[in-house]
């Protein structure tokens, strides 16, 4: 009887071990993202190109992730998207379930050491960017400024709208003032680009700088161009964009006015946002396998014929940069020579 009891206990123990191992194998084989929800935090208001890209990824990216998680978008505008970047860095769990798409110029606030920054972009895991985004400055056509030279000679500085101190509007305005003497009155605090465009329409401000793709890819600009409402002052790309072939590049203007090379190098650092495009990152500390899954899904989305067709209809150009390259670019920015960083801080402190 005692022998049978021992045998029974042995069989029970083996069964527990066996079925425990089966459950463990099943758990290991179950995709982490199955039944989960991924949130994409957008650092600007709804309606702009960041928001449009974020919602496009939310529609299609989950189908390329094992487990097919649900994906949602949450807008968290403010302070040039510093609020969103702070939130994901400090509040979100490092589990691969929270992504952030801040303004591409958010690195500037960290570069110059602004107090509101509570993140380190070098510690984020960069997923990718769908495009390269040089900027253009537009001006109301009835404003008395037809060129950078007009602004340089003006007794009254034009008022340009911006979201914050890391916005392209503020950065380009600061560069133009420091290196060319073109004074611009930056009006900051708008929650997003759509609100700045409305302010221009209402003549609260007369100018704005933002991405060329947005300027030639949506309203109100389509209607504005038909009505000759705005003119284009300068663009930041290395060469003239086909949409604005009559608008000089910043480097052309620098050449015309003999801006020294060290000034040009600082400008390239401060305008590296264009190369960052419209980046997506995930919380620091996210396990490497989940970072890999997200990067692979991101790439697959941009190669998806349906997505490319949707982007084309929305006039959203696709010229992707992988996350590894973005991380390298960010390191290069922060590893710039100290004298250039010091000059950058001086420019943005004006």
C-alpha atoms as a PDB file:
ATOM      1  CA  UNK A   1       0.000   0.000   0.000  1.00  0.00           C
ATOM      2  CA  UNK A   2       2.852   2.296   0.951  1.00  0.00           C
ATOM      3  CA  UNK A   3       4.594   1.455  -2.328  1.00  0.00           C
ATOM      4  CA  UNK A   4       1.468   2.339  -4.329  1.00  0.00           C
ATOM      5  CA  UNK A   5       1.179   5.662  -2.494  1.00  0.00           C
ATOM      6  CA  UNK A   6       4.775   6.514  -3.342  1.00  0.00           C
ATOM      7  CA  UNK A   7       4.186   5.588  -6.971  1.00  0.00           C
ATOM      8  CA  UNK A   8       1.066   7.756  -7.067  1.00  0.00           C
ATOM      9  CA  UNK A   9       2.943  10.735  -5.606  1.00  0.00           C
ATOM     10  CA  UNK A  10       5.704  10.241  -8.174  1.00  0.00           C
ATOM     11  CA  UNK A  11       3.197  10.218 -11.021  1.00  0.00           C
ATOM     12  CA  UNK A  12       1.524  13.353  -9.687  1.00  0.00           C
ATOM     13  CA  UNK A  13       4.893  15.126  -9.432  1.00  0.00           C
ATOM     14  CA  UNK A  14       5.811  14.147 -12.981  1.00  0.00           C
ATOM     15  CA  UNK A  15       2.426  15.376 -14.215  1.00  0.00           C
ATOM     16  CA  UNK A  16       2.882  18.727 -12.461  1.00  0.00           C
ATOM     17  CA  UNK A  17       6.322  19.116 -14.008  1.00  0.00           C
ATOM     18  CA  UNK A  18       5.076  18.076 -17.448  1.00  0.00           C
ATOM     19  CA  UNK A  19       2.043  20.316 -17.580  1.00  0.00           C
ATOM     20  CA  UNK A  20       4.012  23.149 -15.992  1.00  0.00           C
ATOM     21  CA  UNK A  21       6.579  22.851 -18.773  1.00  0.00           C
ATOM     22  CA  UNK A  22       3.800  22.787 -21.377  1.00  0.00           C
ATOM     23  CA  UNK A  23       2.348  26.008 -19.973  1.00  0.00           C
ATOM     24  CA  UNK A  24       5.814  27.598 -19.930  1.00  0.00           C
ATOM     25  CA  UNK A  25       6.460  26.636 -23.560  1.00  0.00           C
ATOM     26  CA  UNK A  26       3.073  27.994 -24.579  1.00  0.00           C
ATOM     27  CA  UNK A  27       3.746  31.223 -22.699  1.00  0.00           C
ATOM     28  CA  UNK A  28       7.116  31.570 -24.374  1.00  0.00           C
ATOM     29  CA  UNK A  29       5.572  30.935 -27.772  1.00  0.00           C
ATOM     30  CA  UNK A  30       2.740  33.406 -27.206  1.00  0.00           C
ATOM     31  CA  UNK A  31       3.597  36.775 -28.834  1.00  0.00           C
ATOM     32  CA  UNK A  32       4.079  39.455 -26.193  1.00  0.00           C
ATOM     33  CA  UNK A  33       1.922  41.916 -28.102  1.00  0.00           C
ATOM     34  CA  UNK A  34      -1.104  39.634 -28.408  1.00  0.00           C
ATOM     35  CA  UNK A  35      -4.071  41.245 -26.682  1.00  0.00           C
ATOM     36  CA  UNK A  36      -2.053  44.379 -25.911  1.00  0.00           C
ATOM     37  CA  UNK A  37      -2.596  48.020 -26.909  1.00  0.00           C
ATOM     38  CA  UNK A  38       0.227  50.235 -28.168  1.00  0.00           C
ATOM     39  CA  UNK A  39      -0.175  53.994 -27.714  1.00  0.00           C
ATOM     40  CA  UNK A  40       1.495  56.489 -30.046  1.00  0.00           C
ATOM     41  CA  UNK A  41       1.934  59.816 -28.256  1.00  0.00           C
ATOM     42  CA  UNK A  42       1.934  62.738 -30.712  1.00  0.00           C
ATOM     43  CA  UNK A  43       3.711  65.853 -29.456  1.00  0.00           C
ATOM     44  CA  UNK A  44       1.456  68.234 -31.394  1.00  0.00           C
ATOM     45  CA  UNK A  45      -2.212  68.873 -32.032  1.00  0.00           C
ATOM     46  CA  UNK A  46      -4.481  66.941 -34.385  1.00  0.00           C
ATOM     47  CA  UNK A  47      -4.555  67.754 -38.074  1.00  0.00           C
ATOM     48  CA  UNK A  48      -0.872  68.388 -38.768  1.00  0.00           C
ATOM     49  CA  UNK A  49       1.529  66.078 -40.572  1.00  0.00           C
ATOM     50  CA  UNK A  50       2.900  64.531 -37.354  1.00  0.00           C
ATOM     51  CA  UNK A  51      -0.643  63.605 -36.414  1.00  0.00           C
ATOM     52  CA  UNK A  52      -1.401  62.303 -39.901  1.00  0.00           C
ATOM     53  CA  UNK A  53       1.694  60.106 -39.917  1.00  0.00           C
ATOM     54  CA  UNK A  54       0.967  58.843 -36.410  1.00  0.00           C
ATOM     55  CA  UNK A  55      -2.572  57.851 -37.347  1.00  0.00           C
ATOM     56  CA  UNK A  56      -1.375  56.140 -40.520  1.00  0.00           C
ATOM     57  CA  UNK A  57       1.058  54.030 -38.476  1.00  0.00           C
ATOM     58  CA  UNK A  58      -1.674  53.302 -35.932  1.00  0.00           C
ATOM     59  CA  UNK A  59      -3.898  51.935 -38.692  1.00  0.00           C
ATOM     60  CA  UNK A  60      -1.362  49.582 -40.251  1.00  0.00           C
ATOM     61  CA  UNK A  61       1.598  48.920 -37.963  1.00  0.00           C
ATOM     62  CA  UNK A  62      -0.189  46.491 -35.649  1.00  0.00           C
ATOM     63  CA  UNK A  63      -0.812  44.068 -38.512  1.00  0.00           C
ATOM     64  CA  UNK A  64       2.957  43.731 -38.958  1.00  0.00           C
ATOM     65  CA  UNK A  65       3.612  42.991 -35.271  1.00  0.00           C
ATOM     66  CA  UNK A  66       3.328  39.373 -34.023  1.00  0.00           C
ATOM     67  CA  UNK A  67       0.158  39.196 -31.962  1.00  0.00           C
ATOM     68  CA  UNK A  68      -1.588  41.965 -33.941  1.00  0.00           C
ATOM     69  CA  UNK A  69      -1.932  44.461 -31.070  1.00  0.00           C
ATOM     70  CA  UNK A  70      -4.386  47.323 -31.177  1.00  0.00           C
ATOM     71  CA  UNK A  71      -2.786  50.726 -31.767  1.00  0.00           C
ATOM     72  CA  UNK A  72      -4.184  54.084 -30.697  1.00  0.00           C
ATOM     73  CA  UNK A  73      -3.047  57.708 -30.971  1.00  0.00           C
ATOM     74  CA  UNK A  74      -2.984  60.220 -28.150  1.00  0.00           C
ATOM     75  CA  UNK A  75      -2.134  63.871 -28.779  1.00  0.00           C
ATOM     76  CA  UNK A  76      -0.081  65.551 -26.052  1.00  0.00           C
ATOM     77  CA  UNK A  77       0.919  68.982 -27.392  1.00  0.00           C
ATOM     78  CA  UNK A  78       2.790  71.678 -25.548  1.00  0.00           C
ATOM     79  CA  UNK A  79       6.240  73.277 -25.146  1.00  0.00           C
ATOM     80  CA  UNK A  80       7.359  72.221 -28.613  1.00  0.00           C
ATOM     81  CA  UNK A  81       6.512  68.559 -27.728  1.00  0.00           C
ATOM     82  CA  UNK A  82       8.787  68.582 -24.657  1.00  0.00           C
ATOM     83  CA  UNK A  83       5.736  67.604 -22.565  1.00  0.00           C
ATOM     84  CA  UNK A  84       5.179  64.446 -24.619  1.00  0.00           C
ATOM     85  CA  UNK A  85       8.869  63.518 -24.598  1.00  0.00           C
ATOM     86  CA  UNK A  86       9.046  64.043 -20.817  1.00  0.00           C
ATOM     87  CA  UNK A  87       5.948  61.903 -20.286  1.00  0.00           C
ATOM     88  CA  UNK A  88       7.162  58.919 -22.295  1.00  0.00           C
ATOM     89  CA  UNK A  89      10.650  59.127 -20.781  1.00  0.00           C
ATOM     90  CA  UNK A  90       9.564  59.396 -17.139  1.00  0.00           C
ATOM     91  CA  UNK A  91       6.046  57.979 -16.847  1.00  0.00           C
ATOM     92  CA  UNK A  92       5.587  55.283 -19.509  1.00  0.00           C
ATOM     93  CA  UNK A  93       6.697  51.765 -18.637  1.00  0.00           C
ATOM     94  CA  UNK A  94       9.692  50.418 -20.611  1.00  0.00           C
ATOM     95  CA  UNK A  95       7.604  47.591 -22.043  1.00  0.00           C
ATOM     96  CA  UNK A  96       7.370  48.569 -25.709  1.00  0.00           C
ATOM     97  CA  UNK A  97       3.744  49.681 -25.432  1.00  0.00           C
ATOM     98  CA  UNK A  98       4.288  53.443 -25.580  1.00  0.00           C
ATOM     99  CA  UNK A  99       5.738  55.191 -28.632  1.00  0.00           C
ATOM    100  CA  UNK A 100       6.280  58.915 -29.070  1.00  0.00           C
ATOM    101  CA  UNK A 101       6.470  61.153 -32.118  1.00  0.00           C
ATOM    102  CA  UNK A 102       7.833  64.525 -30.928  1.00  0.00           C
ATOM    103  CA  UNK A 103       8.686  67.481 -33.108  1.00  0.00           C
ATOM    104  CA  UNK A 104      11.948  66.754 -34.866  1.00  0.00           C
ATOM    105  CA  UNK A 105      13.531  69.847 -33.316  1.00  0.00           C
ATOM    106  CA  UNK A 106      12.967  68.668 -29.729  1.00  0.00           C
ATOM    107  CA  UNK A 107      16.672  67.780 -29.442  1.00  0.00           C
ATOM    108  CA  UNK A 108      17.504  71.495 -29.374  1.00  0.00           C
ATOM    109  CA  UNK A 109      15.979  71.996 -25.926  1.00  0.00           C
ATOM    110  CA  UNK A 110      18.251  69.262 -24.571  1.00  0.00           C
ATOM    111  CA  UNK A 111      21.252  70.540 -26.520  1.00  0.00           C
ATOM    112  CA  UNK A 112      21.089  73.971 -24.918  1.00  0.00           C
ATOM    113  CA  UNK A 113      20.200  72.625 -21.466  1.00  0.00           C
ATOM    114  CA  UNK A 114      16.729  74.039 -20.914  1.00  0.00           C
ATOM    115  CA  UNK A 115      15.319  73.304 -17.463  1.00  0.00           C
ATOM    116  CA  UNK A 116      12.001  71.874 -18.648  1.00  0.00           C
ATOM    117  CA  UNK A 117      13.796  68.970 -20.355  1.00  0.00           C
ATOM    118  CA  UNK A 118      13.567  65.812 -18.256  1.00  0.00           C
ATOM    119  CA  UNK A 119      14.775  63.350 -20.876  1.00  0.00           C
ATOM    120  CA  UNK A 120      17.922  62.262 -22.679  1.00  0.00           C
ATOM    121  CA  UNK A 121      17.271  61.578 -26.351  1.00  0.00           C
ATOM    122  CA  UNK A 122      20.399  59.413 -26.514  1.00  0.00           C
ATOM    123  CA  UNK A 123      18.696  56.883 -24.235  1.00  0.00           C
ATOM    124  CA  UNK A 124      15.517  56.544 -26.272  1.00  0.00           C
ATOM    125  CA  UNK A 125      15.276  53.686 -28.752  1.00  0.00           C
ATOM    126  CA  UNK A 126      14.667  55.308 -32.148  1.00  0.00           C
ATOM    127  CA  UNK A 127      12.296  53.308 -34.359  1.00  0.00           C
ATOM    128  CA  UNK A 128      12.529  55.271 -37.609  1.00  0.00           C
ATOM    129  CA  UNK A 129      11.366  58.243 -39.637  1.00  0.00           C
ATOM    130  CA  UNK A 130       9.212  58.088 -42.775  1.00  0.00           C
ATOM    131  CA  UNK A 131      10.777  61.093 -44.484  1.00  0.00           C
ATOM    132  CA  UNK A 132      13.386  63.827 -44.534  1.00  0.00           C
ATOM    133  CA  UNK A 133      11.853  67.199 -43.718  1.00  0.00           C
ATOM    134  CA  UNK A 134      13.641  70.419 -44.731  1.00  0.00           C
ATOM    135  CA  UNK A 135      11.746  73.583 -43.817  1.00  0.00           C
ATOM    136  CA  UNK A 136      10.467  76.664 -45.553  1.00  0.00           C
ATOM    137  CA  UNK A 137       9.593  80.100 -44.196  1.00  0.00           C
ATOM    138  CA  UNK A 138       6.396  81.530 -45.632  1.00  0.00           C
ATOM    139  CA  UNK A 139       5.109  85.084 -45.280  1.00  0.00           C
ATOM    140  CA  UNK A 140       1.755  86.740 -45.897  1.00  0.00           C
ATOM    141  CA  UNK A 141       1.939  88.321 -49.324  1.00  0.00           C
ATOM    142  CA  UNK A 142       0.632  91.626 -48.020  1.00  0.00           C
ATOM    143  CA  UNK A 143       3.461  91.878 -45.467  1.00  0.00           C
ATOM    144  CA  UNK A 144       6.233  94.314 -46.482  1.00  0.00           C
ATOM    145  CA  UNK A 145       8.957  91.642 -46.633  1.00  0.00           C
ATOM    146  CA  UNK A 146       9.763  89.975 -49.931  1.00  0.00           C
ATOM    147  CA  UNK A 147      13.182  88.558 -49.037  1.00  0.00           C
ATOM    148  CA  UNK A 148      15.642  88.002 -46.217  1.00  0.00           C
ATOM    149  CA  UNK A 149      17.283  91.240 -47.256  1.00  0.00           C
ATOM    150  CA  UNK A 150      14.015  93.118 -46.679  1.00  0.00           C
ATOM    151  CA  UNK A 151      13.872  91.680 -43.152  1.00  0.00           C
ATOM    152  CA  UNK A 152      17.510  92.654 -42.571  1.00  0.00           C
ATOM    153  CA  UNK A 153      16.712  96.271 -43.513  1.00  0.00           C
ATOM    154  CA  UNK A 154      13.303  96.497 -41.805  1.00  0.00           C
ATOM    155  CA  UNK A 155      12.729  98.962 -38.979  1.00  0.00           C
ATOM    156  CA  UNK A 156       9.878  96.808 -37.646  1.00  0.00           C
ATOM    157  CA  UNK A 157      10.560  93.077 -37.286  1.00  0.00           C
ATOM    158  CA  UNK A 158       7.962  90.673 -38.695  1.00  0.00           C
ATOM    159  CA  UNK A 159       6.057  88.562 -36.166  1.00  0.00           C
ATOM    160  CA  UNK A 160       6.432  84.814 -36.787  1.00  0.00           C
ATOM    161  CA  UNK A 161       4.427  82.185 -34.895  1.00  0.00           C
ATOM    162  CA  UNK A 162       5.958  79.178 -33.137  1.00  0.00           C
ATOM    163  CA  UNK A 163       5.102  76.392 -30.703  1.00  0.00           C
ATOM    164  CA  UNK A 164       8.118  76.740 -28.427  1.00  0.00           C
ATOM    165  CA  UNK A 165      11.848  77.267 -28.127  1.00  0.00           C
ATOM    166  CA  UNK A 166      12.606  73.989 -29.905  1.00  0.00           C
ATOM    167  CA  UNK A 167      10.299  74.709 -32.846  1.00  0.00           C
ATOM    168  CA  UNK A 168      11.696  75.209 -36.323  1.00  0.00           C
ATOM    169  CA  UNK A 169      10.089  78.656 -36.325  1.00  0.00           C
ATOM    170  CA  UNK A 170      12.107  79.838 -33.343  1.00  0.00           C
ATOM    171  CA  UNK A 171      15.336  78.113 -34.356  1.00  0.00           C
ATOM    172  CA  UNK A 172      15.409  79.461 -37.908  1.00  0.00           C
ATOM    173  CA  UNK A 173      14.440  82.933 -36.704  1.00  0.00           C
ATOM    174  CA  UNK A 174      17.274  82.871 -34.155  1.00  0.00           C
ATOM    175  CA  UNK A 175      19.795  81.736 -36.773  1.00  0.00           C
ATOM    176  CA  UNK A 176      18.738  84.471 -39.199  1.00  0.00           C
ATOM    177  CA  UNK A 177      19.064  87.123 -36.509  1.00  0.00           C
ATOM    178  CA  UNK A 178      22.442  85.966 -35.172  1.00  0.00           C
ATOM    179  CA  UNK A 179      24.184  85.199 -38.462  1.00  0.00           C
ATOM    180  CA  UNK A 180      22.530  87.705 -40.809  1.00  0.00           C
ATOM    181  CA  UNK A 181      21.095  90.395 -38.565  1.00  0.00           C
ATOM    182  CA  UNK A 182      17.561  89.660 -39.799  1.00  0.00           C
ATOM    183  CA  UNK A 183      15.485  90.470 -36.722  1.00  0.00           C
ATOM    184  CA  UNK A 184      12.294  88.417 -36.281  1.00  0.00           C
ATOM    185  CA  UNK A 185       9.797  88.764 -33.453  1.00  0.00           C
ATOM    186  CA  UNK A 186       8.968  85.158 -32.433  1.00  0.00           C
ATOM    187  CA  UNK A 187       5.512  84.732 -30.921  1.00  0.00           C
ATOM    188  CA  UNK A 188       5.621  81.410 -29.085  1.00  0.00           C
ATOM    189  CA  UNK A 189       3.122  79.240 -27.248  1.00  0.00           C
ATOM    190  CA  UNK A 190       0.836  77.995 -30.031  1.00  0.00           C
ATOM    191  CA  UNK A 191      -0.155  74.356 -29.340  1.00  0.00           C
ATOM    192  CA  UNK A 192       0.427  73.217 -32.929  1.00  0.00           C
ATOM    193  CA  UNK A 193       1.041  74.192 -36.521  1.00  0.00           C
ATOM    194  CA  UNK A 194      -2.636  74.375 -37.463  1.00  0.00           C
ATOM    195  CA  UNK A 195      -3.143  77.049 -34.826  1.00  0.00           C
ATOM    196  CA  UNK A 196      -0.213  79.076 -36.192  1.00  0.00           C
ATOM    197  CA  UNK A 197      -1.627  78.896 -39.717  1.00  0.00           C
ATOM    198  CA  UNK A 198      -4.943  80.183 -38.391  1.00  0.00           C
ATOM    199  CA  UNK A 199      -3.100  83.020 -36.650  1.00  0.00           C
ATOM    200  CA  UNK A 200      -1.452  83.917 -39.963  1.00  0.00           C
ATOM    201  CA  UNK A 201      -4.836  83.912 -41.697  1.00  0.00           C
ATOM    202  CA  UNK A 202      -6.152  86.276 -38.998  1.00  0.00           C
ATOM    203  CA  UNK A 203      -3.046  88.479 -39.307  1.00  0.00           C
ATOM    204  CA  UNK A 204      -2.033  87.907 -35.678  1.00  0.00           C
ATOM    205  CA  UNK A 205       1.365  86.922 -37.063  1.00  0.00           C
ATOM    206  CA  UNK A 206       2.608  87.239 -40.633  1.00  0.00           C
ATOM    207  CA  UNK A 207       4.996  84.319 -41.015  1.00  0.00           C
ATOM    208  CA  UNK A 208       5.864  80.792 -40.022  1.00  0.00           C
ATOM    209  CA  UNK A 209       8.590  78.193 -40.715  1.00  0.00           C
ATOM    210  CA  UNK A 210       7.638  74.532 -41.091  1.00  0.00           C
ATOM    211  CA  UNK A 211       8.262  71.492 -43.280  1.00  0.00           C
ATOM    212  CA  UNK A 212       8.138  71.779 -47.039  1.00  0.00           C
ATOM    213  CA  UNK A 213       6.097  68.560 -47.274  1.00  0.00           C
ATOM    214  CA  UNK A 214       3.360  70.029 -45.069  1.00  0.00           C
ATOM    215  CA  UNK A 215       3.411  73.362 -46.870  1.00  0.00           C
ATOM    216  CA  UNK A 216       2.839  71.744 -50.248  1.00  0.00           C
ATOM    217  CA  UNK A 217       0.730  68.844 -48.975  1.00  0.00           C
ATOM    218  CA  UNK A 218      -2.425  70.149 -47.340  1.00  0.00           C
ATOM    219  CA  UNK A 219      -4.807  72.980 -46.654  1.00  0.00           C
ATOM    220  CA  UNK A 220      -4.870  75.877 -46.088  1.00  0.00           C
ATOM    221  CA  UNK A 221      -1.809  76.152 -48.293  1.00  0.00           C
ATOM    222  CA  UNK A 222      -3.389  74.718 -51.435  1.00  0.00           C
ATOM    223  CA  UNK A 223      -6.005  77.450 -51.323  1.00  0.00           C
ATOM    224  CA  UNK A 224      -3.486  80.085 -50.273  1.00  0.00           C
ATOM    225  CA  UNK A 225      -1.276  79.337 -53.267  1.00  0.00           C
ATOM    226  CA  UNK A 226      -4.216  79.643 -55.643  1.00  0.00           C
ATOM    227  CA  UNK A 227      -5.094  83.021 -54.122  1.00  0.00           C
ATOM    228  CA  UNK A 228      -1.457  84.172 -53.992  1.00  0.00           C
ATOM    229  CA  UNK A 229      -1.937  84.655 -50.254  1.00  0.00           C
ATOM    230  CA  UNK A 230       1.619  83.820 -49.193  1.00  0.00           C
ATOM    231  CA  UNK A 231       5.166  84.069 -50.494  1.00  0.00           C
ATOM    232  CA  UNK A 232       8.199  81.926 -49.727  1.00  0.00           C
ATOM    233  CA  UNK A 233      11.235  83.560 -48.169  1.00  0.00           C
ATOM    234  CA  UNK A 234      13.858  80.848 -47.557  1.00  0.00           C
ATOM    235  CA  UNK A 235      14.252  77.059 -47.337  1.00  0.00           C
ATOM    236  CA  UNK A 236      16.681  74.965 -45.278  1.00  0.00           C
ATOM    237  CA  UNK A 237      17.407  71.987 -47.547  1.00  0.00           C
ATOM    238  CA  UNK A 238      20.803  71.348 -49.068  1.00  0.00           C
ATOM    239  CA  UNK A 239      19.285  72.085 -52.472  1.00  0.00           C
ATOM    240  CA  UNK A 240      16.125  73.812 -53.665  1.00  0.00           C
ATOM    241  CA  UNK A 241      13.009  71.717 -53.449  1.00  0.00           C
ATOM    242  CA  UNK A 242      11.129  71.225 -56.713  1.00  0.00           C
ATOM    243  CA  UNK A 243       8.012  72.770 -55.150  1.00  0.00           C
ATOM    244  CA  UNK A 244       9.915  75.952 -54.314  1.00  0.00           C
ATOM    245  CA  UNK A 245      12.500  76.242 -57.057  1.00  0.00           C
ATOM    246  CA  UNK A 246      12.370  80.045 -56.904  1.00  0.00           C
ATOM    247  CA  UNK A 247      13.134  80.167 -53.156  1.00  0.00           C
ATOM    248  CA  UNK A 248      16.790  80.444 -52.052  1.00  0.00           C
ATOM    249  CA  UNK A 249      18.295  77.976 -49.608  1.00  0.00           C
ATOM    250  CA  UNK A 250      19.789  79.135 -46.338  1.00  0.00           C
ATOM    251  CA  UNK A 251      23.274  78.175 -47.514  1.00  0.00           C
ATOM    252  CA  UNK A 252      22.812  80.236 -50.685  1.00  0.00           C
ATOM    253  CA  UNK A 253      21.948  83.240 -48.536  1.00  0.00           C
ATOM    254  CA  UNK A 254      24.931  82.537 -46.264  1.00  0.00           C
ATOM    255  CA  UNK A 255      27.185  82.451 -49.322  1.00  0.00           C
ATOM    256  CA  UNK A 256      25.731  85.695 -50.617  1.00  0.00           C
ATOM    257  CA  UNK A 257      26.422  87.437 -47.310  1.00  0.00           C
ATOM    258  CA  UNK A 258      29.781  85.748 -46.614  1.00  0.00           C
ATOM    259  CA  UNK A 259      28.772  84.056 -43.358  1.00  0.00           C
ATOM    260  CA  UNK A 260      31.881  82.381 -41.819  1.00  0.00           C
ATOM    261  CA  UNK A 261      32.179  78.591 -41.840  1.00  0.00           C
ATOM    262  CA  UNK A 262      31.842  78.189 -38.072  1.00  0.00           C
ATOM    263  CA  UNK A 263      28.484  79.961 -38.242  1.00  0.00           C
ATOM    264  CA  UNK A 264      27.356  77.665 -41.030  1.00  0.00           C
ATOM    265  CA  UNK A 265      28.377  74.587 -39.013  1.00  0.00           C
ATOM    266  CA  UNK A 266      26.348  75.784 -36.038  1.00  0.00           C
ATOM    267  CA  UNK A 267      23.371  76.363 -38.325  1.00  0.00           C
ATOM    268  CA  UNK A 268      23.652  72.804 -39.627  1.00  0.00           C
ATOM    269  CA  UNK A 269      23.595  71.477 -36.047  1.00  0.00           C
ATOM    270  CA  UNK A 270      20.573  73.574 -35.133  1.00  0.00           C
ATOM    271  CA  UNK A 271      18.731  72.579 -38.314  1.00  0.00           C
ATOM    272  CA  UNK A 272      19.499  68.852 -38.137  1.00  0.00           C
ATOM    273  CA  UNK A 273      15.802  68.404 -37.396  1.00  0.00           C
ATOM    274  CA  UNK A 274      15.204  68.156 -41.128  1.00  0.00           C
ATOM    275  CA  UNK A 275      17.341  65.006 -41.262  1.00  0.00           C
ATOM    276  CA  UNK A 276      15.502  63.544 -38.273  1.00  0.00           C
ATOM    277  CA  UNK A 277      12.287  63.928 -40.264  1.00  0.00           C
ATOM    278  CA  UNK A 278       9.216  62.859 -38.297  1.00  0.00           C
ATOM    279  CA  UNK A 279      10.790  60.404 -35.877  1.00  0.00           C
ATOM    280  CA  UNK A 280       9.214  57.715 -33.748  1.00  0.00           C
ATOM    281  CA  UNK A 281      10.844  56.507 -30.533  1.00  0.00           C
ATOM    282  CA  UNK A 282      10.066  54.029 -27.770  1.00  0.00           C
ATOM    283  CA  UNK A 283      10.672  54.297 -24.026  1.00  0.00           C
ATOM    284  CA  UNK A 284      14.283  53.838 -22.806  1.00  0.00           C
ATOM    285  CA  UNK A 285      14.842  50.412 -21.283  1.00  0.00           C
ATOM    286  CA  UNK A 286      12.466  48.628 -23.651  1.00  0.00           C
ATOM    287  CA  UNK A 287      13.725  45.033 -24.149  1.00  0.00           C
ATOM    288  CA  UNK A 288      15.887  44.691 -27.298  1.00  0.00           C
ATOM    289  CA  UNK A 289      13.661  42.029 -28.861  1.00  0.00           C
ATOM    290  CA  UNK A 290      10.653  44.357 -28.710  1.00  0.00           C
ATOM    291  CA  UNK A 291      12.682  47.236 -30.156  1.00  0.00           C
ATOM    292  CA  UNK A 292      13.626  44.924 -33.014  1.00  0.00           C
ATOM    293  CA  UNK A 293       9.981  43.905 -33.546  1.00  0.00           C
ATOM    294  CA  UNK A 294       8.873  47.549 -33.656  1.00  0.00           C
ATOM    295  CA  UNK A 295      11.625  48.548 -36.077  1.00  0.00           C
ATOM    296  CA  UNK A 296      10.840  45.646 -38.401  1.00  0.00           C
ATOM    297  CA  UNK A 297       7.121  46.436 -38.320  1.00  0.00           C
ATOM    298  CA  UNK A 298       7.851  50.122 -38.997  1.00  0.00           C
ATOM    299  CA  UNK A 299       9.891  49.241 -42.077  1.00  0.00           C
ATOM    300  CA  UNK A 300       7.240  46.812 -43.304  1.00  0.00           C
ATOM    301  CA  UNK A 301       4.553  49.477 -42.964  1.00  0.00           C
ATOM    302  CA  UNK A 302       6.476  51.891 -45.179  1.00  0.00           C
ATOM    303  CA  UNK A 303       6.924  49.125 -47.780  1.00  0.00           C
ATOM    304  CA  UNK A 304       3.246  48.147 -47.650  1.00  0.00           C
ATOM    305  CA  UNK A 305       1.640  49.023 -51.039  1.00  0.00           C
ATOM    306  CA  UNK A 306      -1.593  50.063 -49.329  1.00  0.00           C
ATOM    307  CA  UNK A 307       0.252  52.429 -46.997  1.00  0.00           C
ATOM    308  CA  UNK A 308       2.320  53.875 -49.828  1.00  0.00           C
ATOM    309  CA  UNK A 309      -0.879  54.469 -51.773  1.00  0.00           C
ATOM    310  CA  UNK A 310      -2.484  56.181 -48.772  1.00  0.00           C
ATOM    311  CA  UNK A 311       0.617  58.328 -48.288  1.00  0.00           C
ATOM    312  CA  UNK A 312       0.649  59.294 -51.948  1.00  0.00           C
ATOM    313  CA  UNK A 313      -3.002  60.339 -51.815  1.00  0.00           C
ATOM    314  CA  UNK A 314      -2.218  62.420 -48.752  1.00  0.00           C
ATOM    315  CA  UNK A 315       0.861  63.886 -50.472  1.00  0.00           C
ATOM    316  CA  UNK A 316       3.059  62.489 -47.716  1.00  0.00           C
ATOM    317  CA  UNK A 317       6.437  61.756 -49.283  1.00  0.00           C
ATOM    318  CA  UNK A 318       8.195  58.566 -48.171  1.00  0.00           C
ATOM    319  CA  UNK A 319      11.978  58.759 -47.854  1.00  0.00           C
ATOM    320  CA  UNK A 320      12.579  56.612 -44.753  1.00  0.00           C
ATOM    321  CA  UNK A 321      15.485  56.619 -42.309  1.00  0.00           C
ATOM    322  CA  UNK A 322      15.966  53.554 -40.065  1.00  0.00           C
ATOM    323  CA  UNK A 323      16.162  53.922 -36.299  1.00  0.00           C
ATOM    324  CA  UNK A 324      19.836  52.959 -36.134  1.00  0.00           C
ATOM    325  CA  UNK A 325      20.764  55.886 -38.384  1.00  0.00           C
ATOM    326  CA  UNK A 326      18.676  58.294 -36.336  1.00  0.00           C
ATOM    327  CA  UNK A 327      20.430  57.176 -33.156  1.00  0.00           C
ATOM    328  CA  UNK A 328      23.791  57.746 -34.842  1.00  0.00           C
ATOM    329  CA  UNK A 329      22.727  61.225 -35.985  1.00  0.00           C
ATOM    330  CA  UNK A 330      21.614  62.145 -32.460  1.00  0.00           C
ATOM    331  CA  UNK A 331      24.943  60.997 -31.028  1.00  0.00           C
ATOM    332  CA  UNK A 332      26.799  63.076 -33.631  1.00  0.00           C
ATOM    333  CA  UNK A 333      24.780  66.155 -32.672  1.00  0.00           C
ATOM    334  CA  UNK A 334      25.550  65.843 -28.975  1.00  0.00           C
ATOM    335  CA  UNK A 335      29.191  64.941 -29.642  1.00  0.00           C
ATOM    336  CA  UNK A 336      29.784  68.161 -31.611  1.00  0.00           C
ATOM    337  CA  UNK A 337      32.832  70.222 -30.532  1.00  0.00           C
ATOM    338  CA  UNK A 338      32.159  72.210 -27.328  1.00  0.00           C
ATOM    339  CA  UNK A 339      32.781  75.540 -29.032  1.00  0.00           C
ATOM    340  CA  UNK A 340      29.992  74.832 -31.533  1.00  0.00           C
ATOM    341  CA  UNK A 341      27.581  73.805 -28.787  1.00  0.00           C
ATOM    342  CA  UNK A 342      28.458  76.995 -26.919  1.00  0.00           C
ATOM    343  CA  UNK A 343      27.764  79.059 -30.051  1.00  0.00           C
ATOM    344  CA  UNK A 344      24.441  77.237 -30.559  1.00  0.00           C
ATOM    345  CA  UNK A 345      23.406  78.053 -27.009  1.00  0.00           C
ATOM    346  CA  UNK A 346      24.304  81.682 -27.559  1.00  0.00           C
ATOM    347  CA  UNK A 347      22.209  81.885 -30.706  1.00  0.00           C
ATOM    348  CA  UNK A 348      19.128  80.390 -29.064  1.00  0.00           C
ATOM    349  CA  UNK A 349      19.513  82.500 -25.935  1.00  0.00           C
ATOM    350  CA  UNK A 350      18.972  85.726 -27.895  1.00  0.00           C
END
